[in-house]
Amino acid sequence: MRRISSDLVLATQYDRIPLEVLDWHEHHNLSFCFVLKGTYEEITRDRAFTCRPGDVVIKPANMRHQNLFGRVGGVCLLLEISDELLRHSGELVEPEAAGPIHDQNLTRIGLELREELLAADRLSPIMLETIALRSLVSALRVTKKQSTKHPTVGTIRDLLDAGFGVAELDRGHLTVQERKSMRRLFYKTHGCSIRAYISRRRAFRAFAELLNTGDSLVDIAHRCGFYDQAHFTKVFSAFFGITPGRLRSRAN
């Protein structure tokens, strides 16, 4: 276990063994859990969801939950932020998220937090509070976008998550008249184009496979829908600020 802290923030790396079960528990402060390796089921009083590498799970203080880890165990970074930091930070409030967040900015912050845990020194408390504030701002921006709901956009997103491409979407689910307006509405809701959303989903799937499998970069690239390894590296690096090979080597 690695840990660094300041007066207002605590960061801990937890390494979980295969099939470990964390019975019902809670964290006394607002928390961000950055998932780096493995998969697990999180169960709360009113929902259950799967968490994978690259995901970020945000929980308000004292939310009871249970975690069931998969066959490879897991590595998670827990960032706990005190109410006092929120009070000292102007208009910041607790973000509300109903399940794991897939956001490349938050994932990058998680990778930075891991580096800080590895290189901990006397300046780490200052860096830790900076990371906490950046996490809060990024999460608030994501949840603000998610609050803009539209049923048709939700249906389109679900189809994209299931693996549909733009051509399939246009051909089977959108009329010529709907395409332009739907793309504009999708951008307004998700902050990116449909094509960019597809690239992001592929990048997050590859993120998980890099850390959960020993498959080659070429195999992962093809399986996740990239043209070749060069295309994979270009898109992945643009999203996460690190090449696939370097991420795997640093994680190991």
C-alpha atoms as a PDB file:
ATOM      1  CA  MET A   1       0.000   0.000   0.000  1.00  0.00           C
ATOM      2  CA  ARG A   2       1.285   3.455  -0.926  1.00  0.00           C
ATOM      3  CA  ARG A   3      -0.081   6.598   0.696  1.00  0.00           C
ATOM      4  CA  ILE A   4       0.474  10.357   0.650  1.00  0.00           C
ATOM      5  CA  SER A   5      -1.548  13.038   2.402  1.00  0.00           C
ATOM      6  CA  SER A   6      -1.975  16.714   3.163  1.00  0.00           C
ATOM      7  CA  ASP A   7      -4.149  18.366   5.786  1.00  0.00           C
ATOM      8  CA  LEU A   8      -7.097  18.262   3.358  1.00  0.00           C
ATOM      9  CA  VAL A   9      -6.529  15.310   1.002  1.00  0.00           C
ATOM     10  CA  LEU A  10      -5.514  11.652   1.324  1.00  0.00           C
ATOM     11  CA  ALA A  11      -4.387   9.412  -1.565  1.00  0.00           C
ATOM     12  CA  THR A  12      -3.916   5.660  -1.217  1.00  0.00           C
ATOM     13  CA  GLN A  13      -3.035   2.931  -3.699  1.00  0.00           C
ATOM     14  CA  TYR A  14      -4.792  -0.365  -3.012  1.00  0.00           C
ATOM     15  CA  ASP A  15      -3.677  -3.639  -4.597  1.00  0.00           C
ATOM     16  CA  ARG A  16      -6.518  -6.186  -4.487  1.00  0.00           C
ATOM     17  CA  ILE A  17      -6.077  -9.929  -4.809  1.00  0.00           C
ATOM     18  CA  PRO A  18      -8.091 -12.046  -7.303  1.00  0.00           C
ATOM     19  CA  LEU A  19     -11.725 -12.585  -6.296  1.00  0.00           C
ATOM     20  CA  GLU A  20     -11.355 -10.407  -3.198  1.00  0.00           C
ATOM     21  CA  VAL A  21     -14.606  -9.199  -1.649  1.00  0.00           C
ATOM     22  CA  LEU A  22     -14.738  -5.920   0.248  1.00  0.00           C
ATOM     23  CA  ASP A  23     -17.830  -6.136   2.400  1.00  0.00           C
ATOM     24  CA  TRP A  24     -20.098  -3.162   2.994  1.00  0.00           C
ATOM     25  CA  HIS A  25     -18.063  -0.110   3.927  1.00  0.00           C
ATOM     26  CA  GLU A  26     -17.936   3.650   3.439  1.00  0.00           C
ATOM     27  CA  HIS A  27     -15.481   6.528   3.132  1.00  0.00           C
ATOM     28  CA  HIS A  28     -15.940   9.492   5.431  1.00  0.00           C
ATOM     29  CA  ASN A  29     -15.103  12.050   2.736  1.00  0.00           C
ATOM     30  CA  LEU A  30     -15.935  12.639  -0.905  1.00  0.00           C
ATOM     31  CA  SER A  31     -13.834  10.133  -2.851  1.00  0.00           C
ATOM     32  CA  PHE A  32     -12.515   9.545  -6.348  1.00  0.00           C
ATOM     33  CA  CYS A  33     -11.490   5.986  -7.194  1.00  0.00           C
ATOM     34  CA  PHE A  34      -9.193   5.744 -10.236  1.00  0.00           C
ATOM     35  CA  VAL A  35      -9.183   2.179 -11.581  1.00  0.00           C
ATOM     36  CA  LEU A  36      -5.793   1.172 -12.983  1.00  0.00           C
ATOM     37  CA  LYS A  37      -5.995  -2.601 -13.309  1.00  0.00           C
ATOM     38  CA  GLY A  38      -8.515  -5.423 -13.042  1.00  0.00           C
ATOM     39  CA  THR A  39     -12.289  -5.229 -12.988  1.00  0.00           C
ATOM     40  CA  TYR A  40     -14.758  -5.226 -10.127  1.00  0.00           C
ATOM     41  CA  GLU A  41     -18.432  -4.944  -9.428  1.00  0.00           C
ATOM     42  CA  GLU A  42     -19.501  -2.091  -7.180  1.00  0.00           C
ATOM     43  CA  ILE A  43     -22.814  -2.449  -5.391  1.00  0.00           C
ATOM     44  CA  THR A  44     -24.606   0.358  -3.580  1.00  0.00           C
ATOM     45  CA  ARG A  45     -28.047   0.437  -1.976  1.00  0.00           C
ATOM     46  CA  ASP A  46     -29.756   1.311  -5.252  1.00  0.00           C
ATOM     47  CA  ARG A  47     -27.533   0.179  -8.137  1.00  0.00           C
ATOM     48  CA  ALA A  48     -24.669  -2.041  -9.306  1.00  0.00           C
ATOM     49  CA  PHE A  49     -22.113  -1.455 -12.061  1.00  0.00           C
ATOM     50  CA  THR A  50     -18.821  -2.775 -13.434  1.00  0.00           C
ATOM     51  CA  CYS A  51     -15.603  -0.773 -13.119  1.00  0.00           C
ATOM     52  CA  ARG A  52     -12.685  -1.214 -15.550  1.00  0.00           C
ATOM     53  CA  PRO A  53      -9.226   0.325 -16.047  1.00  0.00           C
ATOM     54  CA  GLY A  54      -9.499   3.979 -16.990  1.00  0.00           C
ATOM     55  CA  ASP A  55     -12.790   4.408 -15.155  1.00  0.00           C
ATOM     56  CA  VAL A  56     -13.236   6.899 -12.343  1.00  0.00           C
ATOM     57  CA  VAL A  57     -15.864   6.293  -9.655  1.00  0.00           C
ATOM     58  CA  ILE A  58     -17.003   9.254  -7.558  1.00  0.00           C
ATOM     59  CA  LYS A  59     -18.818   8.718  -4.266  1.00  0.00           C
ATOM     60  CA  PRO A  60     -20.176  11.245  -1.782  1.00  0.00           C
ATOM     61  CA  ALA A  61     -19.112  10.943   1.833  1.00  0.00           C
ATOM     62  CA  ASN A  62     -20.513   7.996   3.792  1.00  0.00           C
ATOM     63  CA  MET A  63     -22.085   6.168   0.844  1.00  0.00           C
ATOM     64  CA  ARG A  64     -22.160   2.485   1.776  1.00  0.00           C
ATOM     65  CA  HIS A  65     -20.957   0.140  -0.943  1.00  0.00           C
ATOM     66  CA  GLN A  66     -19.507  -3.286  -1.597  1.00  0.00           C
ATOM     67  CA  ASN A  67     -16.769  -4.318  -4.065  1.00  0.00           C
ATOM     68  CA  LEU A  68     -16.378  -7.721  -5.743  1.00  0.00           C
ATOM     69  CA  PHE A  69     -13.082  -8.098  -7.631  1.00  0.00           C
ATOM     70  CA  GLY A  70     -12.558 -10.300 -10.677  1.00  0.00           C
ATOM     71  CA  ARG A  71     -10.038 -12.995 -11.524  1.00  0.00           C
ATOM     72  CA  VAL A  72      -7.047 -10.676 -11.915  1.00  0.00           C
ATOM     73  CA  GLY A  73      -7.685  -8.674  -8.753  1.00  0.00           C
ATOM     74  CA  GLY A  74      -7.213  -4.950  -9.147  1.00  0.00           C
ATOM     75  CA  VAL A  75      -5.187  -1.805  -8.546  1.00  0.00           C
ATOM     76  CA  CYS A  76      -7.116   1.299  -7.498  1.00  0.00           C
ATOM     77  CA  LEU A  77      -6.111   4.767  -6.380  1.00  0.00           C
ATOM     78  CA  LEU A  78      -8.425   6.296  -3.800  1.00  0.00           C
ATOM     79  CA  LEU A  79      -8.403  10.087  -3.509  1.00  0.00           C
ATOM     80  CA  GLU A  80     -10.337  11.330  -0.458  1.00  0.00           C
ATOM     81  CA  ILE A  81     -11.162  15.044  -0.328  1.00  0.00           C
ATOM     82  CA  SER A  82     -12.279  16.771   2.853  1.00  0.00           C
ATOM     83  CA  ASP A  83     -15.226  19.157   3.057  1.00  0.00           C
ATOM     84  CA  GLU A  84     -12.781  21.822   4.198  1.00  0.00           C
ATOM     85  CA  LEU A  85     -11.069  21.851   0.793  1.00  0.00           C
ATOM     86  CA  LEU A  86     -14.447  22.373  -0.871  1.00  0.00           C
ATOM     87  CA  ARG A  87     -15.236  25.265   1.479  1.00  0.00           C
ATOM     88  CA  HIS A  88     -11.881  26.866   0.702  1.00  0.00           C
ATOM     89  CA  SER A  89     -12.374  26.593  -3.063  1.00  0.00           C
ATOM     90  CA  GLY A  90     -14.980  29.160  -3.953  1.00  0.00           C
ATOM     91  CA  GLU A  91     -17.898  27.746  -5.913  1.00  0.00           C
ATOM     92  CA  LEU A  92     -16.792  24.106  -6.013  1.00  0.00           C
ATOM     93  CA  VAL A  93     -19.428  21.603  -4.910  1.00  0.00           C
ATOM     94  CA  GLU A  94     -19.563  17.822  -4.734  1.00  0.00           C
ATOM     95  CA  PRO A  95     -20.009  16.348  -8.225  1.00  0.00           C
ATOM     96  CA  GLU A  96     -22.817  13.838  -8.643  1.00  0.00           C
ATOM     97  CA  ALA A  97     -22.129  10.754 -10.755  1.00  0.00           C
ATOM     98  CA  ALA A  98     -24.343   7.691 -11.123  1.00  0.00           C
ATOM     99  CA  GLY A  99     -21.730   5.121 -12.071  1.00  0.00           C
ATOM    100  CA  PRO A 100     -18.221   5.074 -13.515  1.00  0.00           C
ATOM    101  CA  ILE A 101     -17.060   8.056 -15.568  1.00  0.00           C
ATOM    102  CA  HIS A 102     -15.187   7.563 -18.851  1.00  0.00           C
ATOM    103  CA  ASP A 103     -13.288  10.817 -19.278  1.00  0.00           C
ATOM    104  CA  GLN A 104      -9.761  11.054 -20.621  1.00  0.00           C
ATOM    105  CA  ASN A 105      -8.948  14.142 -18.539  1.00  0.00           C
ATOM    106  CA  LEU A 106      -9.792  12.332 -15.304  1.00  0.00           C
ATOM    107  CA  THR A 107      -7.921   9.233 -16.458  1.00  0.00           C
ATOM    108  CA  ARG A 108      -4.831  11.366 -17.108  1.00  0.00           C
ATOM    109  CA  ILE A 109      -5.137  12.836 -13.629  1.00  0.00           C
ATOM    110  CA  GLY A 110      -5.265   9.299 -12.234  1.00  0.00           C
ATOM    111  CA  LEU A 111      -2.009   8.444 -14.019  1.00  0.00           C
ATOM    112  CA  GLU A 112      -0.417  11.604 -12.594  1.00  0.00           C
ATOM    113  CA  LEU A 113      -1.598  10.618  -9.127  1.00  0.00           C
ATOM    114  CA  ARG A 114       0.068   7.211  -9.494  1.00  0.00           C
ATOM    115  CA  GLU A 115       3.337   8.916 -10.476  1.00  0.00           C
ATOM    116  CA  GLU A 116       3.098  11.155  -7.410  1.00  0.00           C
ATOM    117  CA  LEU A 117       2.524   8.145  -5.158  1.00  0.00           C
ATOM    118  CA  LEU A 118       5.622   6.481  -6.620  1.00  0.00           C
ATOM    119  CA  ALA A 119       7.803   9.582  -6.291  1.00  0.00           C
ATOM    120  CA  ALA A 120       6.473  10.809  -2.938  1.00  0.00           C
ATOM    121  CA  ASP A 121       8.587  13.527  -1.289  1.00  0.00           C
ATOM    122  CA  ARG A 122       8.130  16.557   0.955  1.00  0.00           C
ATOM    123  CA  LEU A 123       6.432  18.491  -1.865  1.00  0.00           C
ATOM    124  CA  SER A 124       3.809  15.800  -2.478  1.00  0.00           C
ATOM    125  CA  PRO A 125       1.168  17.342  -0.153  1.00  0.00           C
ATOM    126  CA  ILE A 126       1.142  20.487  -2.319  1.00  0.00           C
ATOM    127  CA  MET A 127       0.870  18.477  -5.524  1.00  0.00           C
ATOM    128  CA  LEU A 128      -1.824  16.302  -3.968  1.00  0.00           C
ATOM    129  CA  GLU A 129      -4.125  19.253  -3.278  1.00  0.00           C
ATOM    130  CA  THR A 130      -3.572  20.478  -6.834  1.00  0.00           C
ATOM    131  CA  ILE A 131      -4.568  17.041  -8.153  1.00  0.00           C
ATOM    132  CA  ALA A 132      -7.658  17.059  -5.935  1.00  0.00           C
ATOM    133  CA  LEU A 133      -8.799  20.459  -7.244  1.00  0.00           C
ATOM    134  CA  ARG A 134      -8.221  19.417 -10.859  1.00  0.00           C
ATOM    135  CA  SER A 135     -10.182  16.214 -10.252  1.00  0.00           C
ATOM    136  CA  LEU A 136     -13.100  18.185  -8.853  1.00  0.00           C
ATOM    137  CA  VAL A 137     -13.175  20.665 -11.737  1.00  0.00           C
ATOM    138  CA  SER A 138     -12.933  17.913 -14.377  1.00  0.00           C
ATOM    139  CA  ALA A 139     -15.680  15.900 -12.701  1.00  0.00           C
ATOM    140  CA  LEU A 140     -17.979  18.913 -12.443  1.00  0.00           C
ATOM    141  CA  ARG A 141     -17.555  19.603 -16.145  1.00  0.00           C
ATOM    142  CA  VAL A 142     -18.362  15.987 -17.026  1.00  0.00           C
ATOM    143  CA  THR A 143     -21.410  15.766 -14.769  1.00  0.00           C
ATOM    144  CA  LYS A 144     -22.689  19.111 -16.057  1.00  0.00           C
ATOM    145  CA  LYS A 145     -22.692  17.682 -19.585  1.00  0.00           C
ATOM    146  CA  GLN A 146     -24.358  14.480 -18.378  1.00  0.00           C
ATOM    147  CA  SER A 147     -27.177  16.508 -16.827  1.00  0.00           C
ATOM    148  CA  THR A 148     -28.262  17.521 -20.345  1.00  0.00           C
ATOM    149  CA  LYS A 149     -30.362  14.518 -21.289  1.00  0.00           C
ATOM    150  CA  HIS A 150     -32.157  13.721 -24.516  1.00  0.00           C
ATOM    151  CA  PRO A 151     -33.776  10.312 -25.068  1.00  0.00           C
ATOM    152  CA  THR A 152     -32.748   9.985 -28.719  1.00  0.00           C
ATOM    153  CA  VAL A 153     -29.162  10.965 -27.944  1.00  0.00           C
ATOM    154  CA  GLY A 154     -29.178   8.337 -25.191  1.00  0.00           C
ATOM    155  CA  THR A 155     -30.316   5.703 -27.689  1.00  0.00           C
ATOM    156  CA  ILE A 156     -27.591   6.707 -30.145  1.00  0.00           C
ATOM    157  CA  ARG A 157     -24.969   6.571 -27.398  1.00  0.00           C
ATOM    158  CA  ASP A 158     -26.112   3.085 -26.363  1.00  0.00           C
ATOM    159  CA  LEU A 159     -25.773   1.885 -29.969  1.00  0.00           C
ATOM    160  CA  LEU A 160     -22.272   3.356 -30.170  1.00  0.00           C
ATOM    161  CA  ASP A 161     -21.352   1.683 -26.880  1.00  0.00           C
ATOM    162  CA  ALA A 162     -22.568  -1.611 -28.365  1.00  0.00           C
ATOM    163  CA  GLY A 163     -20.106  -1.266 -31.252  1.00  0.00           C
ATOM    164  CA  PHE A 164     -22.081   0.446 -34.015  1.00  0.00           C
ATOM    165  CA  GLY A 165     -20.117   2.671 -36.395  1.00  0.00           C
ATOM    166  CA  VAL A 166     -21.193   5.942 -38.010  1.00  0.00           C
ATOM    167  CA  ALA A 167     -22.121   4.257 -41.296  1.00  0.00           C
ATOM    168  CA  GLU A 168     -24.268   1.631 -39.544  1.00  0.00           C
ATOM    169  CA  LEU A 169     -25.894   4.318 -37.459  1.00  0.00           C
ATOM    170  CA  ASP A 170     -26.756   6.460 -40.462  1.00  0.00           C
ATOM    171  CA  ARG A 171     -27.923   3.515 -42.537  1.00  0.00           C
ATOM    172  CA  GLY A 172     -30.088   1.774 -39.969  1.00  0.00           C
ATOM    173  CA  HIS A 173     -31.202   4.319 -37.374  1.00  0.00           C
ATOM    174  CA  LEU A 174     -31.136   7.892 -38.722  1.00  0.00           C
ATOM    175  CA  THR A 175     -32.900   9.394 -41.705  1.00  0.00           C
ATOM    176  CA  VAL A 176     -31.107  11.875 -43.943  1.00  0.00           C
ATOM    177  CA  GLN A 177     -33.073  14.709 -42.313  1.00  0.00           C
ATOM    178  CA  GLU A 178     -32.154  13.563 -38.793  1.00  0.00           C
ATOM    179  CA  ARG A 179     -28.412  13.178 -39.274  1.00  0.00           C
ATOM    180  CA  LYS A 180     -27.320  16.818 -39.105  1.00  0.00           C
ATOM    181  CA  SER A 181     -29.586  17.797 -36.212  1.00  0.00           C
ATOM    182  CA  MET A 182     -28.736  14.642 -34.255  1.00  0.00           C
ATOM    183  CA  ARG A 183     -25.004  15.171 -34.668  1.00  0.00           C
ATOM    184  CA  ARG A 184     -25.368  18.751 -33.466  1.00  0.00           C
ATOM    185  CA  LEU A 185     -27.429  17.633 -30.462  1.00  0.00           C
ATOM    186  CA  PHE A 186     -24.989  14.818 -29.684  1.00  0.00           C
ATOM    187  CA  TYR A 187     -22.123  17.313 -29.636  1.00  0.00           C
ATOM    188  CA  LYS A 188     -24.049  19.614 -27.326  1.00  0.00           C
ATOM    189  CA  THR A 189     -24.772  16.735 -24.914  1.00  0.00           C
ATOM    190  CA  HIS A 190     -21.383  14.988 -24.922  1.00  0.00           C
ATOM    191  CA  GLY A 191     -18.984  17.755 -25.885  1.00  0.00           C
ATOM    192  CA  CYS A 192     -17.631  15.830 -28.885  1.00  0.00           C
ATOM    193  CA  SER A 193     -18.678  14.547 -32.290  1.00  0.00           C
ATOM    194  CA  ILE A 194     -20.025  11.036 -32.799  1.00  0.00           C
ATOM    195  CA  ARG A 195     -16.754  10.010 -34.471  1.00  0.00           C
ATOM    196  CA  ALA A 196     -14.722  11.387 -31.575  1.00  0.00           C
ATOM    197  CA  TYR A 197     -16.971   9.515 -29.141  1.00  0.00           C
ATOM    198  CA  ILE A 198     -16.309   6.254 -31.023  1.00  0.00           C
ATOM    199  CA  SER A 199     -12.553   6.898 -30.847  1.00  0.00           C
ATOM    200  CA  ARG A 200     -12.813   7.572 -27.131  1.00  0.00           C
ATOM    201  CA  ARG A 201     -14.688   4.323 -26.491  1.00  0.00           C
ATOM    202  CA  ARG A 202     -12.066   2.385 -28.478  1.00  0.00           C
ATOM    203  CA  ALA A 203      -9.270   4.079 -26.541  1.00  0.00           C
ATOM    204  CA  PHE A 204     -10.845   3.195 -23.185  1.00  0.00           C
ATOM    205  CA  ARG A 205     -11.367  -0.415 -24.254  1.00  0.00           C
ATOM    206  CA  ALA A 206      -7.710  -0.572 -25.290  1.00  0.00           C
ATOM    207  CA  PHE A 207      -6.679   1.004 -21.958  1.00  0.00           C
ATOM    208  CA  ALA A 208      -8.388  -1.860 -20.128  1.00  0.00           C
ATOM    209  CA  GLU A 209      -6.936  -4.554 -22.381  1.00  0.00           C
ATOM    210  CA  LEU A 210      -3.406  -3.168 -22.065  1.00  0.00           C
ATOM    211  CA  LEU A 211      -3.532  -3.509 -18.297  1.00  0.00           C
ATOM    212  CA  ASN A 212      -5.663  -6.650 -17.986  1.00  0.00           C
ATOM    213  CA  THR A 213      -4.130  -8.836 -20.698  1.00  0.00           C
ATOM    214  CA  GLY A 214      -0.692  -9.730 -21.988  1.00  0.00           C
ATOM    215  CA  ASP A 215      -1.792  -9.534 -25.629  1.00  0.00           C
ATOM    216  CA  SER A 216       0.419  -7.753 -28.139  1.00  0.00           C
ATOM    217  CA  LEU A 217      -0.196  -4.139 -29.095  1.00  0.00           C
ATOM    218  CA  VAL A 218      -1.002  -5.256 -32.635  1.00  0.00           C
ATOM    219  CA  ASP A 219      -3.689  -7.671 -31.427  1.00  0.00           C
ATOM    220  CA  ILE A 220      -5.218  -5.073 -29.103  1.00  0.00           C
ATOM    221  CA  ALA A 221      -5.199  -2.468 -31.868  1.00  0.00           C
ATOM    222  CA  HIS A 222      -7.083  -4.732 -34.273  1.00  0.00           C
ATOM    223  CA  ARG A 223      -9.523  -5.985 -31.652  1.00  0.00           C
ATOM    224  CA  CYS A 224     -10.411  -2.454 -30.537  1.00  0.00           C
ATOM    225  CA  GLY A 225     -11.099  -1.203 -34.048  1.00  0.00           C
ATOM    226  CA  PHE A 226      -7.912   0.689 -34.972  1.00  0.00           C
ATOM    227  CA  TYR A 227      -6.459   0.455 -38.486  1.00  0.00           C
ATOM    228  CA  ASP A 228      -3.026  -0.648 -37.289  1.00  0.00           C
ATOM    229  CA  GLN A 229      -0.594  -0.196 -34.408  1.00  0.00           C
ATOM    230  CA  ALA A 230       0.505   3.245 -35.605  1.00  0.00           C
ATOM    231  CA  HIS A 231      -3.086   4.499 -35.687  1.00  0.00           C
ATOM    232  CA  PHE A 232      -3.663   2.953 -32.258  1.00  0.00           C
ATOM    233  CA  THR A 233      -0.616   4.697 -30.786  1.00  0.00           C
ATOM    234  CA  LYS A 234      -1.563   8.066 -32.296  1.00  0.00           C
ATOM    235  CA  VAL A 235      -5.161   8.048 -31.031  1.00  0.00           C
ATOM    236  CA  PHE A 236      -4.302   6.555 -27.630  1.00  0.00           C
ATOM    237  CA  SER A 237      -1.521   9.080 -26.988  1.00  0.00           C
ATOM    238  CA  ALA A 238      -3.808  11.970 -27.918  1.00  0.00           C
ATOM    239  CA  PHE A 239      -6.385  10.854 -25.358  1.00  0.00           C
ATOM    240  CA  PHE A 240      -4.193   9.815 -22.437  1.00  0.00           C
ATOM    241  CA  GLY A 241      -0.895  11.630 -22.954  1.00  0.00           C
ATOM    242  CA  ILE A 242       1.102   8.394 -22.951  1.00  0.00           C
ATOM    243  CA  THR A 243       1.805   5.731 -25.553  1.00  0.00           C
ATOM    244  CA  PRO A 244       0.237   2.253 -25.120  1.00  0.00           C
ATOM    245  CA  GLY A 245       3.635   0.606 -24.668  1.00  0.00           C
ATOM    246  CA  ARG A 246       4.785   3.112 -22.070  1.00  0.00           C
ATOM    247  CA  LEU A 247       1.540   2.797 -20.128  1.00  0.00           C
ATOM    248  CA  ARG A 248       1.936  -0.970 -19.954  1.00  0.00           C
ATOM    249  CA  SER A 249       5.593  -0.813 -18.924  1.00  0.00           C
ATOM    250  CA  ARG A 250       4.983   1.854 -16.263  1.00  0.00           C
ATOM    251  CA  ALA A 251       2.004  -0.048 -14.858  1.00  0.00           C
ATOM    252  CA  ASN A 252       4.041  -3.214 -14.567  1.00  0.00           C
END
